[in-house]
Amino acid sequence: MMRFLADENFDNRILRGLLRVKPDLDVVRAQDTEISGAEDPILLEWAAKEERILLTHDVETRVGFAYERVKAGLPVPGVFEIRDTVPIGVAIDELILIIEASNPAEWKDKVSYIPLS
């Protein structure tokens, strides 16, 4: 089962749409945890410890820190970077497809961009 961490800037409309389609989805928002307001390396460390794939719109910094972790041999359960210009419906559809057609191991140590195509 896939587990997700949505960073503090992740669009809650996408989360609400995901939860309408998959009410049992295991997703937590960073702002609802002890890492609220944490710097990127701490956020990624927490995601790794909790085995949660990170959902983010932040291509500027988080993606770079994720690549640094992989290069250093540190775990990254995966990162899905969704540009904030991607329509909400497209983001939801792509994430549902990923959830239903793959498993968490396929995204380990990868940064993936949505839409996938």
C-alpha atoms as a PDB file:
ATOM      1  CA  MET A   1       0.000   0.000   0.000  1.00  0.00           C
ATOM      2  CA  MET A   2       1.293   3.429  -0.915  1.00  0.00           C
ATOM      3  CA  ARG A   3       1.755   5.976   1.820  1.00  0.00           C
ATOM      4  CA  PHE A   4       2.155   9.679   1.106  1.00  0.00           C
ATOM      5  CA  LEU A   5       3.386  12.850   2.752  1.00  0.00           C
ATOM      6  CA  ALA A   6       2.051  16.086   1.252  1.00  0.00           C
ATOM      7  CA  ASP A   7       4.369  18.998   1.890  1.00  0.00           C
ATOM      8  CA  GLU A   8       3.009  22.206   3.389  1.00  0.00           C
ATOM      9  CA  ASN A   9       2.500  23.911   0.045  1.00  0.00           C
ATOM     10  CA  PHE A  10       0.759  20.989  -1.647  1.00  0.00           C
ATOM     11  CA  ASP A  11      -2.642  21.914  -3.075  1.00  0.00           C
ATOM     12  CA  ASN A  12      -5.328  20.683  -0.686  1.00  0.00           C
ATOM     13  CA  ARG A  13      -7.815  20.547  -3.572  1.00  0.00           C
ATOM     14  CA  ILE A  14      -5.763  17.704  -5.037  1.00  0.00           C
ATOM     15  CA  LEU A  15      -5.755  15.916  -1.678  1.00  0.00           C
ATOM     16  CA  ARG A  16      -9.527  16.315  -1.306  1.00  0.00           C
ATOM     17  CA  GLY A  17     -10.034  14.949  -4.833  1.00  0.00           C
ATOM     18  CA  LEU A  18      -7.779  11.968  -4.124  1.00  0.00           C
ATOM     19  CA  LEU A  19      -9.635  11.207  -0.909  1.00  0.00           C
ATOM     20  CA  ARG A  20     -13.010  11.398  -2.680  1.00  0.00           C
ATOM     21  CA  VAL A  21     -11.883   8.686  -5.078  1.00  0.00           C
ATOM     22  CA  LYS A  22      -9.819   6.697  -2.546  1.00  0.00           C
ATOM     23  CA  PRO A  23     -11.145   7.414   0.943  1.00  0.00           C
ATOM     24  CA  ASP A  24      -8.751   4.844   2.443  1.00  0.00           C
ATOM     25  CA  LEU A  25      -5.679   6.596   1.003  1.00  0.00           C
ATOM     26  CA  ASP A  26      -2.871   6.860   3.555  1.00  0.00           C
ATOM     27  CA  VAL A  27      -1.771  10.485   3.237  1.00  0.00           C
ATOM     28  CA  VAL A  28      -0.637  12.960   5.870  1.00  0.00           C
ATOM     29  CA  ARG A  29       0.044  16.650   5.490  1.00  0.00           C
ATOM     30  CA  ALA A  30       3.374  17.932   6.795  1.00  0.00           C
ATOM     31  CA  GLN A  31       1.605  20.738   8.652  1.00  0.00           C
ATOM     32  CA  ASP A  32      -0.315  18.135  10.671  1.00  0.00           C
ATOM     33  CA  THR A  33       2.859  16.486  11.989  1.00  0.00           C
ATOM     34  CA  GLU A  34       5.788  17.360  14.225  1.00  0.00           C
ATOM     35  CA  ILE A  35       7.758  18.427  11.132  1.00  0.00           C
ATOM     36  CA  SER A  36       5.494  21.371  10.381  1.00  0.00           C
ATOM     37  CA  GLY A  37       7.682  24.211   9.116  1.00  0.00           C
ATOM     38  CA  ALA A  38      10.786  22.004   8.873  1.00  0.00           C
ATOM     39  CA  GLU A  39      13.530  22.560   6.335  1.00  0.00           C
ATOM     40  CA  ASP A  40      13.637  20.336   3.240  1.00  0.00           C
ATOM     41  CA  PRO A  41      16.282  17.847   4.476  1.00  0.00           C
ATOM     42  CA  ILE A  42      14.273  17.187   7.646  1.00  0.00           C
ATOM     43  CA  LEU A  43      11.071  16.758   5.639  1.00  0.00           C
ATOM     44  CA  LEU A  44      12.764  14.217   3.369  1.00  0.00           C
ATOM     45  CA  GLU A  45      14.338  12.397   6.328  1.00  0.00           C
ATOM     46  CA  TRP A  46      10.925  12.113   8.000  1.00  0.00           C
ATOM     47  CA  ALA A  47       9.337  10.851   4.765  1.00  0.00           C
ATOM     48  CA  ALA A  48      12.061   8.209   4.504  1.00  0.00           C
ATOM     49  CA  LYS A  49      11.701   7.143   8.126  1.00  0.00           C
ATOM     50  CA  GLU A  50       7.925   6.853   7.731  1.00  0.00           C
ATOM     51  CA  GLU A  51       8.245   5.258   4.255  1.00  0.00           C
ATOM     52  CA  ARG A  52       6.036   7.919   2.669  1.00  0.00           C
ATOM     53  CA  ILE A  53       6.302   9.144  -0.896  1.00  0.00           C
ATOM     54  CA  LEU A  54       6.518  12.926  -0.920  1.00  0.00           C
ATOM     55  CA  LEU A  55       3.948  14.965  -2.860  1.00  0.00           C
ATOM     56  CA  THR A  56       5.244  18.429  -3.699  1.00  0.00           C
ATOM     57  CA  HIS A  57       4.962  21.367  -6.051  1.00  0.00           C
ATOM     58  CA  ASP A  58       8.463  22.570  -5.054  1.00  0.00           C
ATOM     59  CA  VAL A  59      10.808  21.800  -7.921  1.00  0.00           C
ATOM     60  CA  GLU A  60      13.196  24.548  -6.818  1.00  0.00           C
ATOM     61  CA  THR A  61      14.634  22.971  -3.660  1.00  0.00           C
ATOM     62  CA  ARG A  62      13.021  19.715  -2.527  1.00  0.00           C
ATOM     63  CA  VAL A  63      13.874  17.859  -5.703  1.00  0.00           C
ATOM     64  CA  GLY A  64      17.541  18.832  -5.368  1.00  0.00           C
ATOM     65  CA  PHE A  65      17.665  17.643  -1.773  1.00  0.00           C
ATOM     66  CA  ALA A  66      16.041  14.355  -2.821  1.00  0.00           C
ATOM     67  CA  TYR A  67      18.733  13.817  -5.466  1.00  0.00           C
ATOM     68  CA  GLU A  68      21.402  14.613  -2.849  1.00  0.00           C
ATOM     69  CA  ARG A  69      19.959  11.954  -0.540  1.00  0.00           C
ATOM     70  CA  VAL A  70      20.001   9.353  -3.309  1.00  0.00           C
ATOM     71  CA  LYS A  71      23.584  10.276  -4.243  1.00  0.00           C
ATOM     72  CA  ALA A  72      24.604   9.927  -0.571  1.00  0.00           C
ATOM     73  CA  GLY A  73      23.008   6.470  -0.390  1.00  0.00           C
ATOM     74  CA  LEU A  74      20.228   7.649   1.921  1.00  0.00           C
ATOM     75  CA  PRO A  75      16.719   6.295   1.406  1.00  0.00           C
ATOM     76  CA  VAL A  76      14.091   8.205  -0.543  1.00  0.00           C
ATOM     77  CA  PRO A  77      10.713   6.441  -0.784  1.00  0.00           C
ATOM     78  CA  GLY A  78       9.994   8.579  -3.840  1.00  0.00           C
ATOM     79  CA  VAL A  79       9.022  12.108  -4.760  1.00  0.00           C
ATOM     80  CA  PHE A  80       6.176  13.161  -7.017  1.00  0.00           C
ATOM     81  CA  GLU A  81       6.672  16.700  -8.237  1.00  0.00           C
ATOM     82  CA  ILE A  82       3.507  18.219  -9.636  1.00  0.00           C
ATOM     83  CA  ARG A  83       3.919  21.649 -11.163  1.00  0.00           C
ATOM     84  CA  ASP A  84       1.290  24.051  -9.907  1.00  0.00           C
ATOM     85  CA  THR A  85       0.300  24.677 -13.539  1.00  0.00           C
ATOM     86  CA  VAL A  86      -0.967  21.095 -13.920  1.00  0.00           C
ATOM     87  CA  PRO A  87      -4.783  21.094 -13.841  1.00  0.00           C
ATOM     88  CA  ILE A  88      -6.142  19.652 -10.593  1.00  0.00           C
ATOM     89  CA  GLY A  89      -8.142  16.947 -12.402  1.00  0.00           C
ATOM     90  CA  VAL A  90      -5.056  15.803 -14.317  1.00  0.00           C
ATOM     91  CA  ALA A  91      -3.015  15.617 -11.107  1.00  0.00           C
ATOM     92  CA  ILE A  92      -5.722  13.577  -9.384  1.00  0.00           C
ATOM     93  CA  ASP A  93      -6.154  11.212 -12.351  1.00  0.00           C
ATOM     94  CA  GLU A  94      -2.402  10.634 -12.672  1.00  0.00           C
ATOM     95  CA  LEU A  95      -1.964   9.967  -8.967  1.00  0.00           C
ATOM     96  CA  ILE A  96      -4.915   7.547  -8.915  1.00  0.00           C
ATOM     97  CA  LEU A  97      -3.407   5.697 -11.882  1.00  0.00           C
ATOM     98  CA  ILE A  98      -0.066   5.467 -10.070  1.00  0.00           C
ATOM     99  CA  ILE A  99      -1.717   4.250  -6.856  1.00  0.00           C
ATOM    100  CA  GLU A 100      -3.772   1.592  -8.621  1.00  0.00           C
ATOM    101  CA  ALA A 101      -1.217   0.387 -11.166  1.00  0.00           C
ATOM    102  CA  SER A 102       2.079   0.354  -9.286  1.00  0.00           C
ATOM    103  CA  ASN A 103       3.624  -0.398  -5.933  1.00  0.00           C
ATOM    104  CA  PRO A 104       5.806   1.720  -3.637  1.00  0.00           C
ATOM    105  CA  ALA A 105       9.021  -0.128  -4.526  1.00  0.00           C
ATOM    106  CA  GLU A 106       8.793   1.150  -8.112  1.00  0.00           C
ATOM    107  CA  TRP A 107       9.221   4.763  -6.928  1.00  0.00           C
ATOM    108  CA  LYS A 108      12.053   4.188  -4.432  1.00  0.00           C
ATOM    109  CA  ASP A 109      14.981   6.589  -4.918  1.00  0.00           C
ATOM    110  CA  LYS A 110      13.206   8.347  -7.802  1.00  0.00           C
ATOM    111  CA  VAL A 111      11.884  11.799  -8.459  1.00  0.00           C
ATOM    112  CA  SER A 112       8.950  11.637 -10.867  1.00  0.00           C
ATOM    113  CA  TYR A 113       7.140  14.486 -12.539  1.00  0.00           C
ATOM    114  CA  ILE A 114       3.395  14.591 -13.041  1.00  0.00           C
ATOM    115  CA  PRO A 115       1.997  14.361 -15.601  1.00  0.00           C
ATOM    116  CA  LEU A 116       4.132  11.300 -16.320  1.00  0.00           C
ATOM    117  CA  SER A 117       3.901  11.636 -20.096  1.00  0.00           C
END
